[in-house]
């Protein structure tokens, strides 16, 4: 009888222990939008830059201080595009493990979220990376990318035991994928809005897993928290999610930290400039404390052991990207794109139309403020001219749609000039990193499309809808609102990216496929091909009859801001605020 009582007593103790909440302290470190910033040195000039190697110095320090079993390391996506190293690893060096996989395995990342630029690399790249990450025990998470059978294309979550706590990490990608990328790139899946999907999945998984800590990592911008921006839903999640302790955000490249008594949100910006460090403490009474922070990375503190481990990879990439491909007869300044017509954007227009034969083209600056000097051009410079793997598409648009498209584009770029006011649509923003205010555009400059193949003006004194006046085609012939024209643009834009075709031209998503005429290779590859064939590029080579490709009849046309004197004065002042000179 005593023996039986002892058994019952032991069982009761075990049940009581099981019912007691766990206690412990978890350190969550996160990165996002690294965009290939893997090495601590530039390929040309050896300049130190923020990198995963610098972040690894901090990660190792935290692990050494609190113990590796108390640390969780996450990334919220956009890992596989944006740098020479990513390009070489995606498309050229395809034997063995992808370099990114080897890097994050070295750093002992616990989970990675799929970003839109990861998807943009295409099935061969992201499927390969998914398999290889899994081989190293690292899930590539995107629970809202749904296959036709209703199951997720990528894993949705993983459970960890860290800091003495059971931790549920759930990952989701950007639901607005169809607005940026052609369906062939993401075939076999559809993307579900994070609202209310994530809450439904949180409820289901928490009931199944019974975690102590729940983390939702999303490749989604912070947004306004009003539920209206499909590509930026993180603040919506922060405001509405129940039963979640931490939201890791990304995508918009703007550092952000929000916290209240029960949940925190972190977004570290981009390019390994920051990382987040959130400490979550749970005591035996079930009280939880969440302490988020964003840490600025000291680029000089790159981990020397990691640098040595990947020195051969760096050398191989540097050799490839310093290969000479041609020359410029004049410097190319990307910032000039915001003040009017310039050599940089003219060149992109020229390449788009020279290869496609389109009558008109749209192009926007994809690099904010870089200079490529006159002289030899190396492959590395092509990433400055064109940093993303967008292909070239040609669509059919009417003259009226082209005009409305441009009205919408310039409305994101300029504002109606008032006495003493601004011409460019810019605002001052507090920059906590430097404890100062910096001026920046309200909207994303990669959506600031101009056009070639036509002659037109943009009146900065007029309101939206009446600013753009198209006088003729580039050759002086009539531009007709009812006529249909072939228009070259990026695959991002042709898929609806930036809403210029939807909100501007007034097309529906169903019309995009109907209007698609042709699809060409990636624009950076076409730029490389142009340099390879013609070697020298300058403003003079883009103007007939001196054009290197005059047989293609590429006439760029002209555009300018008017009234010219007022526009020049106001825009010059705004450019000084943006760029400091």
Protein backbone atom coordinates (compact mmCIF):
# COMPACT_ATOMS: atom_id res chain seq x y z
CA UNK A 1 0.00 0.00 0.00
CA UNK A 2 2.84 2.36 0.86
CA UNK A 3 4.46 1.53 -2.45
CA UNK A 4 1.24 2.39 -4.32
CA UNK A 5 0.90 5.68 -2.43
CA UNK A 6 4.47 6.57 -3.35
CA UNK A 7 3.70 5.93 -7.01
CA UNK A 8 0.62 8.18 -6.87
CA UNK A 9 2.64 10.87 -5.07
CA UNK A 10 5.39 10.76 -7.69
CA UNK A 11 2.82 10.98 -10.47
CA UNK A 12 1.18 13.97 -8.78
CA UNK A 13 4.55 15.72 -8.52
CA UNK A 14 5.19 15.12 -12.22
CA UNK A 15 1.75 16.46 -13.20
CA UNK A 16 2.25 19.53 -11.02
CA UNK A 17 5.67 20.13 -12.55
CA UNK A 18 4.23 19.80 -16.04
CA UNK A 19 1.57 22.38 -15.23
CA UNK A 20 4.16 24.88 -14.00
CA UNK A 21 5.05 27.43 -16.69
CA UNK A 22 8.59 27.30 -17.95
CA UNK A 23 10.92 30.10 -17.02
CA UNK A 24 13.95 31.43 -18.79
CA UNK A 25 15.49 34.17 -20.89
CA UNK A 26 15.63 34.12 -24.69
CA UNK A 27 17.83 36.39 -26.84
CA UNK A 28 16.42 36.85 -30.36
CA UNK A 29 18.79 38.35 -32.94
CA UNK A 30 17.37 39.25 -36.36
CA UNK A 31 18.53 40.63 -39.68
CA UNK A 32 16.63 41.45 -42.85
CA UNK A 33 17.12 42.73 -46.40
CA UNK A 34 20.82 41.94 -46.35
CA UNK A 35 20.77 41.91 -50.18
CA UNK A 36 24.08 40.14 -50.63
CA UNK A 37 26.06 42.25 -48.10
CA UNK A 38 28.01 39.19 -47.10
CA UNK A 39 31.63 40.35 -47.25
CA UNK A 40 33.16 43.17 -45.21
CA UNK A 41 35.07 44.67 -48.13
CA UNK A 42 34.12 46.10 -51.50
CA UNK A 43 35.46 44.25 -54.54
CA UNK A 44 37.07 47.43 -55.85
CA UNK A 45 39.15 49.62 -53.57
CA UNK A 46 38.87 47.37 -50.51
CA UNK A 47 36.57 49.76 -48.64
CA UNK A 48 35.12 48.36 -45.41
CA UNK A 49 31.33 48.00 -45.49
CA UNK A 50 28.65 46.60 -43.16
CA UNK A 51 28.31 42.87 -43.66
CA UNK A 52 27.23 39.55 -42.27
CA UNK A 53 30.84 39.15 -41.20
CA UNK A 54 30.51 42.19 -38.94
CA UNK A 55 27.16 40.99 -37.62
CA UNK A 56 28.75 37.63 -36.82
CA UNK A 57 31.17 39.42 -34.47
CA UNK A 58 28.21 40.63 -32.42
CA UNK A 59 26.35 37.32 -32.61
CA UNK A 60 29.39 35.44 -31.32
CA UNK A 61 29.80 38.00 -28.53
CA UNK A 62 26.20 37.59 -27.40
CA UNK A 63 26.41 33.81 -27.58
CA UNK A 64 29.61 33.88 -25.53
CA UNK A 65 28.00 36.13 -22.92
CA UNK A 66 24.65 34.34 -22.45
CA UNK A 67 25.31 30.88 -23.85
CA UNK A 68 24.52 29.65 -27.39
CA UNK A 69 21.48 27.67 -26.22
CA UNK A 70 19.86 30.93 -25.14
CA UNK A 71 20.15 32.65 -28.55
CA UNK A 72 17.92 32.44 -31.63
CA UNK A 73 19.20 33.91 -34.92
CA UNK A 74 16.65 34.77 -37.64
CA UNK A 75 16.56 36.57 -40.99
CA UNK A 76 13.41 38.09 -42.52
CA UNK A 77 14.30 37.75 -46.19
CA UNK A 78 15.73 39.34 -49.35
CA UNK A 79 19.01 37.48 -49.12
CA UNK A 80 19.68 36.36 -52.69
CA UNK A 81 19.78 39.59 -54.74
CA UNK A 82 21.54 42.93 -54.62
CA UNK A 83 25.26 42.18 -54.83
CA UNK A 84 27.85 40.62 -57.13
CA UNK A 85 28.34 37.72 -54.72
CA UNK A 86 24.66 36.83 -54.91
CA UNK A 87 24.64 37.06 -58.71
CA UNK A 88 27.68 34.81 -59.11
CA UNK A 89 26.32 32.30 -56.59
CA UNK A 90 22.88 32.26 -58.18
CA UNK A 91 23.77 31.88 -61.83
CA UNK A 92 27.46 31.10 -62.37
CA UNK A 93 28.90 29.10 -59.48
CA UNK A 94 26.14 26.51 -59.23
CA UNK A 95 28.12 23.43 -58.18
CA UNK A 96 27.94 22.47 -54.52
CA UNK A 97 26.26 24.47 -51.79
CA UNK A 98 25.20 28.04 -52.58
CA UNK A 99 27.51 30.57 -50.93
CA UNK A 100 24.62 32.07 -48.93
CA UNK A 101 23.80 28.65 -47.54
CA UNK A 102 27.40 28.16 -46.44
CA UNK A 103 27.50 31.61 -44.84
CA UNK A 104 24.33 31.23 -42.79
CA UNK A 105 25.32 27.71 -41.81
CA UNK A 106 28.66 29.09 -40.57
CA UNK A 107 26.78 31.73 -38.53
CA UNK A 108 24.32 29.12 -37.20
CA UNK A 109 21.18 30.89 -38.36
CA UNK A 110 18.10 29.11 -37.08
CA UNK A 111 15.56 30.16 -39.73
CA UNK A 112 15.33 32.35 -42.85
CA UNK A 113 12.19 33.92 -44.33
CA UNK A 114 11.66 34.03 -48.11
CA UNK A 115 11.67 37.59 -49.52
CA UNK A 116 10.31 38.88 -52.81
CA UNK A 117 13.85 39.33 -54.18
CA UNK A 118 14.60 35.74 -53.22
CA UNK A 119 11.62 34.64 -55.31
CA UNK A 120 12.73 36.91 -58.16
CA UNK A 121 15.85 34.77 -58.66
CA UNK A 122 13.58 32.09 -60.14
CA UNK A 123 12.74 28.48 -59.39
CA UNK A 124 16.19 27.02 -60.19
CA UNK A 125 17.84 29.32 -57.64
CA UNK A 126 15.37 29.43 -54.77
CA UNK A 127 14.45 25.75 -55.03
CA UNK A 128 18.15 24.88 -54.85
CA UNK A 129 18.68 27.18 -51.86
CA UNK A 130 15.59 25.77 -50.12
CA UNK A 131 16.91 22.20 -50.45
CA UNK A 132 20.39 23.08 -49.34
CA UNK A 133 19.24 25.12 -46.34
CA UNK A 134 17.08 22.17 -45.29
CA UNK A 135 20.11 19.89 -45.56
CA UNK A 136 21.75 22.09 -42.92
CA UNK A 137 18.65 22.14 -40.73
CA UNK A 138 17.69 25.70 -41.61
CA UNK A 139 14.11 26.19 -42.83
CA UNK A 140 13.31 28.70 -45.60
CA UNK A 141 9.93 29.90 -44.29
CA UNK A 142 6.95 31.23 -46.24
CA UNK A 143 3.72 29.78 -44.89
CA UNK A 144 1.47 31.98 -47.03
CA UNK A 145 2.84 30.72 -50.37
CA UNK A 146 0.15 28.12 -51.04
CA UNK A 147 0.26 25.28 -53.56
CA UNK A 148 -2.86 24.22 -55.50
CA UNK A 149 -3.46 21.40 -53.01
CA UNK A 150 -3.72 23.93 -50.17
CA UNK A 151 -0.39 23.12 -48.52
CA UNK A 152 2.47 25.64 -48.23
CA UNK A 153 5.19 25.59 -50.88
CA UNK A 154 7.78 26.36 -48.19
CA UNK A 155 7.74 25.37 -44.50
CA UNK A 156 5.60 27.57 -42.28
CA UNK A 157 7.22 27.21 -38.88
CA UNK A 158 9.80 25.56 -36.69
CA UNK A 159 9.86 24.93 -32.94
CA UNK A 160 13.02 25.53 -30.92
CA UNK A 161 14.07 24.93 -27.32
CA UNK A 162 16.10 28.00 -26.36
CA UNK A 163 16.67 29.80 -23.10
CA UNK A 164 14.79 27.05 -21.29
CA UNK A 165 11.68 27.95 -23.31
CA UNK A 166 9.72 26.35 -26.13
CA UNK A 167 9.80 28.87 -28.99
CA UNK A 168 7.50 28.84 -32.01
CA UNK A 169 8.91 30.71 -35.03
CA UNK A 170 6.46 31.31 -37.88
CA UNK A 171 7.53 32.81 -41.22
CA UNK A 172 5.60 34.45 -44.07
CA UNK A 173 6.60 36.20 -47.27
CA UNK A 174 5.20 39.26 -49.00
CA UNK A 175 1.68 38.64 -50.33
CA UNK A 176 2.03 41.27 -53.06
CA UNK A 177 4.31 39.08 -55.18
CA UNK A 178 1.99 39.01 -58.18
CA UNK A 179 2.27 42.80 -58.45
CA UNK A 180 6.03 42.63 -59.05
CA UNK A 181 6.92 39.34 -60.66
CA UNK A 182 5.75 37.44 -63.71
CA UNK A 183 3.75 34.34 -62.78
CA UNK A 184 6.30 32.05 -64.42
CA UNK A 185 8.78 32.99 -61.69
CA UNK A 186 6.45 31.86 -58.87
CA UNK A 187 4.57 29.12 -60.71
CA UNK A 188 2.96 26.46 -58.56
CA UNK A 189 1.84 28.74 -55.75
CA UNK A 190 -0.29 31.72 -54.79
CA UNK A 191 0.34 34.28 -52.06
CA UNK A 192 -2.17 34.92 -49.30
CA UNK A 193 -2.54 38.26 -47.48
CA UNK A 194 -1.11 38.21 -43.97
CA UNK A 195 -4.44 39.53 -42.67
CA UNK A 196 -6.27 37.61 -41.22
CA UNK A 197 -4.25 34.55 -42.28
CA UNK A 198 -1.42 34.90 -39.74
CA UNK A 199 -3.78 35.20 -36.77
CA UNK A 200 -5.63 32.09 -37.88
CA UNK A 201 -2.36 30.17 -38.17
CA UNK A 202 -1.10 31.52 -34.83
CA UNK A 203 -4.24 30.24 -33.12
CA UNK A 204 -3.97 26.81 -34.77
CA UNK A 205 -0.25 26.34 -34.18
CA UNK A 206 -0.29 27.59 -30.60
CA UNK A 207 -3.03 25.09 -29.78
CA UNK A 208 -0.89 22.34 -31.31
CA UNK A 209 2.59 23.34 -30.12
CA UNK A 210 1.79 25.12 -26.82
CA UNK A 211 4.87 27.37 -26.96
CA UNK A 212 6.17 29.69 -24.27
CA UNK A 213 7.21 32.29 -26.85
CA UNK A 214 5.73 32.94 -30.30
CA UNK A 215 7.62 34.89 -32.98
CA UNK A 216 6.18 35.90 -36.36
CA UNK A 217 8.83 36.85 -38.94
CA UNK A 218 7.45 38.43 -42.13
CA UNK A 219 8.94 39.78 -45.30
CA UNK A 220 6.60 42.74 -45.21
CA UNK A 221 7.11 46.46 -44.73
CA UNK A 222 5.99 48.22 -41.58
CA UNK A 223 3.23 50.21 -43.31
CA UNK A 224 0.77 52.61 -41.72
CA UNK A 225 -1.15 50.13 -39.63
CA UNK A 226 -4.40 50.91 -41.45
CA UNK A 227 -4.75 47.58 -43.26
CA UNK A 228 -4.58 49.21 -46.68
CA UNK A 229 -1.09 48.36 -47.95
CA UNK A 230 -0.76 44.75 -49.06
CA UNK A 231 3.04 44.81 -49.28
CA UNK A 232 3.46 46.48 -45.86
CA UNK A 233 1.38 44.72 -43.20
CA UNK A 234 3.79 44.42 -40.28
CA UNK A 235 2.31 47.28 -38.24
CA UNK A 236 -1.14 45.83 -38.91
CA UNK A 237 0.10 42.57 -37.37
CA UNK A 238 1.70 44.37 -34.44
CA UNK A 239 -1.57 46.15 -33.67
CA UNK A 240 -3.90 43.18 -34.06
CA UNK A 241 -2.10 39.91 -33.35
CA UNK A 242 -3.07 38.08 -30.18
CA UNK A 243 -0.74 35.57 -28.57
CA UNK A 244 2.42 36.76 -30.36
CA UNK A 245 5.45 38.18 -28.55
CA UNK A 246 7.60 39.50 -31.40
CA UNK A 247 7.01 40.55 -35.02
CA UNK A 248 10.17 40.68 -37.16
CA UNK A 249 9.55 42.97 -40.14
CA UNK A 250 11.52 43.84 -43.30
CA UNK A 251 11.13 44.88 -46.95
CA UNK A 252 10.94 48.69 -46.70
CA UNK A 253 14.61 49.17 -45.67
CA UNK A 254 13.64 51.56 -42.87
CA UNK A 255 14.71 50.73 -39.29
CA UNK A 256 11.72 50.65 -36.95
CA UNK A 257 11.06 49.59 -33.37
CA UNK A 258 7.65 49.44 -31.69
CA UNK A 259 6.76 47.91 -28.35
CA UNK A 260 4.04 47.71 -25.75
CA UNK A 261 3.52 45.52 -22.70
CA UNK A 262 2.72 42.37 -24.68
CA UNK A 263 4.36 42.55 -28.13
CA UNK A 264 7.27 44.16 -29.98
CA UNK A 265 8.07 44.89 -33.62
CA UNK A 266 11.57 45.24 -35.08
CA UNK A 267 12.83 46.11 -38.57
CA UNK A 268 16.59 46.54 -38.95
CA UNK A 269 16.67 48.40 -42.28
CA UNK A 270 18.91 46.85 -44.93
CA UNK A 271 22.38 45.84 -46.10
CA UNK A 272 23.56 44.57 -42.69
CA UNK A 273 23.74 48.09 -41.29
CA UNK A 274 21.86 47.06 -38.14
CA UNK A 275 20.61 43.99 -36.35
CA UNK A 276 17.94 43.61 -33.70
CA UNK A 277 18.46 42.12 -30.25
CA UNK A 278 15.29 41.34 -28.34
CA UNK A 279 15.43 39.86 -24.84
CA UNK A 280 12.31 37.92 -23.78
CA UNK A 281 12.12 36.84 -20.14
CA UNK A 282 9.47 34.54 -18.66
CA UNK A 283 9.31 33.93 -14.90
CA UNK A 284 7.67 31.01 -13.05
CA UNK A 285 4.54 33.06 -12.38
CA UNK A 286 3.98 33.41 -16.12
CA UNK A 287 5.03 37.06 -16.28
CA UNK A 288 6.72 37.96 -19.54
CA UNK A 289 9.05 40.87 -20.25
CA UNK A 290 9.98 41.87 -23.82
CA UNK A 291 12.92 44.23 -24.36
CA UNK A 292 13.65 44.98 -28.04
CA UNK A 293 16.58 47.01 -29.38
CA UNK A 294 18.15 47.84 -32.73
CA UNK A 295 21.94 47.82 -32.74
CA UNK A 296 24.04 49.78 -35.23
CA UNK A 297 26.77 47.60 -36.73
CA UNK A 298 30.39 48.74 -36.55
CA UNK A 299 31.62 47.71 -39.98
CA UNK A 300 35.22 47.60 -38.76
CA UNK A 301 34.48 44.72 -36.39
CA UNK A 302 34.19 41.98 -38.99
CA UNK A 303 34.90 38.51 -37.66
CA UNK A 304 38.46 37.67 -38.82
CA UNK A 305 37.87 33.93 -38.61
CA UNK A 306 34.81 34.19 -40.85
CA UNK A 307 36.71 36.42 -43.27
CA UNK A 308 39.46 33.83 -43.52
CA UNK A 309 36.97 30.98 -43.95
CA UNK A 310 35.47 32.64 -47.02
CA UNK A 311 38.58 34.36 -48.40
CA UNK A 312 38.74 32.12 -51.48
CA UNK A 313 35.08 32.86 -52.32
CA UNK A 314 35.73 36.59 -52.04
CA UNK A 315 38.78 36.35 -54.29
CA UNK A 316 36.85 34.45 -56.97
CA UNK A 317 33.99 36.95 -56.95
CA UNK A 318 36.38 39.90 -57.02
CA UNK A 319 38.19 38.42 -60.03
CA UNK A 320 34.93 38.06 -61.93
CA UNK A 321 33.50 41.45 -61.03
CA UNK A 322 36.66 43.40 -61.85
CA UNK A 323 36.63 42.08 -65.41
CA UNK A 324 36.63 45.02 -67.85
CA UNK A 325 33.55 45.14 -70.10
CA UNK A 326 33.84 48.51 -71.87
CA UNK A 327 34.30 52.20 -71.16
CA UNK A 328 32.40 55.44 -70.53
CA UNK A 329 33.30 58.65 -72.32
CA UNK A 330 31.63 60.68 -69.56
CA UNK A 331 30.81 60.07 -65.88
CA UNK A 332 27.43 58.58 -65.05
CA UNK A 333 25.76 60.10 -61.96
CA UNK A 334 22.63 58.29 -60.84
CA UNK A 335 21.38 61.17 -58.65
CA UNK A 336 20.87 63.30 -61.77
CA UNK A 337 17.79 61.18 -62.53
CA UNK A 338 15.71 63.15 -60.03
CA UNK A 339 16.43 66.56 -61.53
CA UNK A 340 15.46 65.76 -65.12
CA UNK A 341 16.73 63.96 -68.16
CA UNK A 342 20.26 62.57 -67.71
CA UNK A 343 22.88 60.24 -69.21
CA UNK A 344 22.19 57.43 -66.70
CA UNK A 345 18.49 57.02 -67.47
CA UNK A 346 18.98 57.80 -71.16
CA UNK A 347 21.34 54.83 -71.37
CA UNK A 348 18.82 52.46 -69.77
CA UNK A 349 16.13 53.75 -72.14
CA UNK A 350 18.47 53.26 -75.07
CA UNK A 351 19.32 49.66 -74.17
CA UNK A 352 15.66 48.79 -73.58
CA UNK A 353 14.61 50.05 -76.98
CA UNK A 354 17.70 49.08 -78.97
CA UNK A 355 17.27 45.41 -78.14
CA UNK A 356 13.47 45.24 -78.05
CA UNK A 357 12.65 47.53 -80.97
CA UNK A 358 9.89 49.17 -78.90
CA UNK A 359 8.65 52.59 -79.94
CA UNK A 360 8.62 53.96 -76.38
CA UNK A 361 10.25 52.93 -73.10
CA UNK A 362 9.78 53.53 -69.39
CA UNK A 363 12.71 53.51 -66.95
CA UNK A 364 13.38 54.55 -63.35
CA UNK A 365 16.56 55.03 -61.30
CA UNK A 366 17.38 51.84 -59.40
CA UNK A 367 20.51 53.28 -57.79
CA UNK A 368 19.99 56.34 -55.62
CA UNK A 369 23.33 58.11 -55.43
CA UNK A 370 26.36 56.57 -57.12
CA UNK A 371 28.89 57.77 -59.66
CA UNK A 372 30.60 55.68 -62.32
CA UNK A 373 33.57 57.75 -63.53
CA UNK A 374 34.58 58.14 -67.13
CA UNK A 375 37.01 55.49 -68.28
CA UNK A 376 37.06 51.70 -68.06
CA UNK A 377 33.85 49.97 -66.96
CA UNK A 378 34.13 46.70 -65.08
CA UNK A 379 31.42 44.14 -64.45
CA UNK A 380 31.07 45.49 -60.91
CA UNK A 381 29.84 48.79 -62.38
CA UNK A 382 26.92 47.03 -64.05
CA UNK A 383 25.49 46.36 -60.59
CA UNK A 384 25.54 50.10 -59.97
CA UNK A 385 23.83 50.82 -63.27
CA UNK A 386 21.33 48.00 -62.80
CA UNK A 387 21.35 46.22 -59.40
CA UNK A 388 18.39 43.87 -59.85
CA UNK A 389 17.62 40.84 -62.00
CA UNK A 390 14.67 42.35 -63.87
CA UNK A 391 14.03 41.08 -67.38
CA UNK A 392 12.84 43.31 -70.22
CA UNK A 393 9.21 43.20 -71.36
CA UNK A 394 7.29 44.95 -74.14
CA UNK A 395 3.60 45.78 -73.67
CA UNK A 396 1.06 47.47 -75.93
CA UNK A 397 -0.37 50.69 -74.48
CA UNK A 398 -2.52 53.41 -75.96
CA UNK A 399 -1.33 57.00 -76.11
CA UNK A 400 -3.87 57.95 -73.46
CA UNK A 401 -2.66 55.17 -71.16
CA UNK A 402 0.95 56.32 -71.62
CA UNK A 403 0.03 59.88 -70.70
CA UNK A 404 -1.93 58.78 -67.62
CA UNK A 405 0.89 56.45 -66.62
CA UNK A 406 3.36 59.34 -66.67
CA UNK A 407 0.99 61.58 -64.72
CA UNK A 408 0.87 58.95 -61.98
CA UNK A 409 4.65 58.46 -62.03
CA UNK A 410 5.51 62.15 -61.71
CA UNK A 411 2.90 62.62 -58.98
CA UNK A 412 4.98 60.24 -56.83
CA UNK A 413 8.10 62.25 -57.63
CA UNK A 414 7.15 65.95 -57.66
CA UNK A 415 4.59 68.21 -56.04
CA UNK A 416 2.85 71.35 -57.26
CA UNK A 417 5.25 74.20 -56.65
CA UNK A 418 4.03 76.90 -54.27
CA UNK A 419 5.90 80.13 -53.46
CA UNK A 420 8.83 79.20 -51.26
CA UNK A 421 7.92 75.51 -51.46
CA UNK A 422 9.44 72.35 -52.83
CA UNK A 423 9.25 70.95 -56.35
CA UNK A 424 10.36 67.44 -55.44
CA UNK A 425 8.10 65.43 -53.16
CA UNK A 426 10.49 65.27 -50.21
CA UNK A 427 10.17 65.45 -46.43
CA UNK A 428 12.58 65.69 -43.50
CA UNK A 429 12.90 62.47 -41.49
CA UNK A 430 14.55 61.89 -38.15
CA UNK A 431 17.50 59.54 -38.50
CA UNK A 432 18.15 57.94 -35.12
CA UNK A 433 21.37 56.41 -36.42
CA UNK A 434 22.98 59.83 -36.77
CA UNK A 435 20.82 61.85 -34.35
CA UNK A 436 19.83 64.26 -37.10
CA UNK A 437 17.21 65.00 -39.70
CA UNK A 438 17.75 63.93 -43.30
CA UNK A 439 15.60 64.77 -46.28
CA UNK A 440 14.23 61.94 -48.37
CA UNK A 441 11.59 61.26 -50.98
CA UNK A 442 8.13 60.39 -49.68
CA UNK A 443 7.86 57.56 -52.21
CA UNK A 444 10.20 54.92 -53.58
CA UNK A 445 12.48 56.33 -56.27
CA UNK A 446 12.55 53.04 -58.18
CA UNK A 447 9.00 53.92 -59.22
CA UNK A 448 9.96 57.30 -60.70
CA UNK A 449 9.56 56.37 -64.36
CA UNK A 450 10.33 58.72 -67.22
CA UNK A 451 9.77 57.91 -70.91
CA UNK A 452 11.79 57.92 -74.11
CA UNK A 453 10.61 57.84 -77.70
CA UNK A 454 8.38 60.88 -77.18
CA UNK A 455 8.80 64.62 -76.61
CA UNK A 456 7.02 65.95 -73.52
CA UNK A 457 7.11 68.43 -70.65
CA UNK A 458 6.17 68.14 -66.98
CA UNK A 459 4.76 71.37 -65.52
CA UNK A 460 5.63 71.62 -61.82
CA UNK A 461 3.12 74.44 -61.28
CA UNK A 462 0.14 72.31 -62.35
CA UNK A 463 -1.82 69.79 -60.26
CA UNK A 464 -1.94 66.04 -60.79
CA UNK A 465 -3.62 65.12 -64.06
CA UNK A 466 -2.53 68.19 -65.99
CA UNK A 467 1.25 68.21 -65.59
CA UNK A 468 2.35 66.03 -68.53
CA UNK A 469 2.03 67.41 -72.04
CA UNK A 470 3.19 65.11 -74.87
CA UNK A 471 3.88 67.16 -78.00
CA UNK A 472 5.02 64.47 -80.46
CA UNK A 473 6.89 61.26 -81.04
CA UNK A 474 10.69 61.52 -80.91
CA UNK A 475 10.87 61.89 -84.71
CA UNK A 476 8.38 64.76 -84.69
CA UNK A 477 5.40 62.76 -85.92
CA UNK A 478 2.07 63.03 -84.17
CA UNK A 479 1.50 61.30 -80.82
CA UNK A 480 -2.10 60.05 -80.83
CA UNK A 481 -4.06 59.32 -77.64
CA UNK A 482 -6.15 56.65 -79.37
CA UNK A 483 -3.23 54.93 -81.13
CA UNK A 484 -1.50 51.86 -79.69
CA UNK A 485 2.27 51.81 -79.11
CA UNK A 486 4.82 49.18 -78.08
CA UNK A 487 6.40 50.14 -74.76
CA UNK A 488 9.52 48.58 -73.20
CA UNK A 489 9.70 48.29 -69.41
CA UNK A 490 11.06 46.06 -66.66
CA UNK A 491 9.41 42.78 -65.73
CA UNK A 492 8.73 44.31 -62.30
CA UNK A 493 6.74 47.08 -63.93
CA UNK A 494 5.08 44.79 -66.49
CA UNK A 495 3.77 42.65 -63.61
CA UNK A 496 2.17 45.73 -62.05
CA UNK A 497 4.98 46.77 -59.71
CA UNK A 498 4.54 50.24 -58.27
CA UNK A 499 0.91 50.30 -59.49
CA UNK A 500 1.81 52.56 -62.42
CA UNK A 501 0.01 50.30 -64.89
CA UNK A 502 -2.97 49.88 -62.54
CA UNK A 503 -3.49 53.24 -60.83
CA UNK A 504 -1.80 55.20 -63.61
CA UNK A 505 -2.64 53.60 -66.96
CA UNK A 506 -5.88 52.11 -65.61
CA UNK A 507 -5.24 48.51 -66.65
CA UNK A 508 -6.56 45.50 -64.79
CA UNK A 509 -4.40 42.54 -63.81
CA UNK A 510 -6.19 40.43 -66.43
CA UNK A 511 -5.17 42.90 -69.15
CA UNK A 512 -1.44 42.61 -68.40
CA UNK A 513 -1.08 39.22 -70.07
CA UNK A 514 -3.20 40.35 -73.01
CA UNK A 515 -0.96 43.38 -73.59
CA UNK A 516 2.36 41.52 -73.31
CA UNK A 517 4.12 41.44 -76.69
CA UNK A 518 7.57 40.01 -76.02
CA UNK A 519 9.88 39.08 -73.18
CA UNK A 520 13.66 39.56 -73.29
CA UNK A 521 16.61 38.53 -71.07
CA UNK A 522 17.57 40.38 -67.91
CA UNK A 523 18.30 44.05 -68.47
CA UNK A 524 21.72 43.88 -66.81
CA UNK A 525 22.68 41.14 -69.26
CA UNK A 526 21.54 43.34 -72.16
CA UNK A 527 23.64 46.20 -70.79
CA UNK A 528 26.63 43.85 -70.64
CA UNK A 529 25.94 42.75 -74.21
CA UNK A 530 25.78 46.37 -75.38
CA UNK A 531 29.18 47.14 -73.83
CA UNK A 532 30.59 43.92 -75.27
CA UNK A 533 29.49 44.85 -78.80
CA UNK A 534 30.10 48.60 -78.84
CA UNK A 535 32.69 49.07 -76.05
CA UNK A 536 32.41 52.87 -75.68
CA UNK A 537 29.32 54.52 -74.22
CA UNK A 538 28.64 58.21 -73.72
CA UNK A 539 25.86 60.76 -74.18
CA UNK A 540 27.02 61.26 -77.77
CA UNK A 541 26.63 57.55 -78.62
CA UNK A 542 22.94 57.68 -77.70
CA UNK A 543 22.11 60.44 -80.18
CA UNK A 544 21.54 59.84 -83.91
CA UNK A 545 23.31 60.01 -86.32
CA UNK A 546 26.28 59.15 -84.06
CA UNK A 547 24.46 56.36 -82.27
CA UNK A 548 26.27 53.05 -82.15
CA UNK A 549 23.00 51.37 -83.04
CA UNK A 550 21.50 53.93 -85.40
CA UNK A 551 20.27 51.14 -87.65
CA UNK A 552 17.77 50.35 -84.91
CA UNK A 553 16.31 53.85 -85.32
CA UNK A 554 16.44 54.57 -81.56
CA UNK A 555 15.44 58.20 -81.12
CA UNK A 556 15.23 59.03 -77.42
CA UNK A 557 13.20 62.21 -77.79
CA UNK A 558 13.27 64.82 -75.04
CA UNK A 559 11.53 65.75 -71.81
CA UNK A 560 12.00 68.48 -69.23
CA UNK A 561 10.43 70.15 -66.23
CA UNK A 562 8.73 73.49 -66.96
CA UNK A 563 8.62 76.43 -66.45
CA UNK A 564 12.34 75.91 -66.85
CA UNK A 565 13.71 78.79 -64.73
CA UNK A 566 11.43 78.11 -61.76
CA UNK A 567 11.92 74.35 -62.03
CA UNK A 568 15.71 74.63 -62.14
CA UNK A 569 15.82 76.89 -59.08
CA UNK A 570 13.42 74.84 -56.94
CA UNK A 571 14.78 71.43 -57.92
CA UNK A 572 18.39 72.54 -57.37
CA UNK A 573 17.46 73.61 -53.83
CA UNK A 574 15.69 70.30 -53.19
CA UNK A 575 18.63 68.31 -54.55
CA UNK A 576 20.90 70.15 -52.12
CA UNK A 577 18.66 69.05 -49.24
CA UNK A 578 18.67 65.45 -50.46
CA UNK A 579 22.37 65.14 -51.24
CA UNK A 580 24.05 67.87 -49.23
CA UNK A 581 25.57 69.86 -52.06
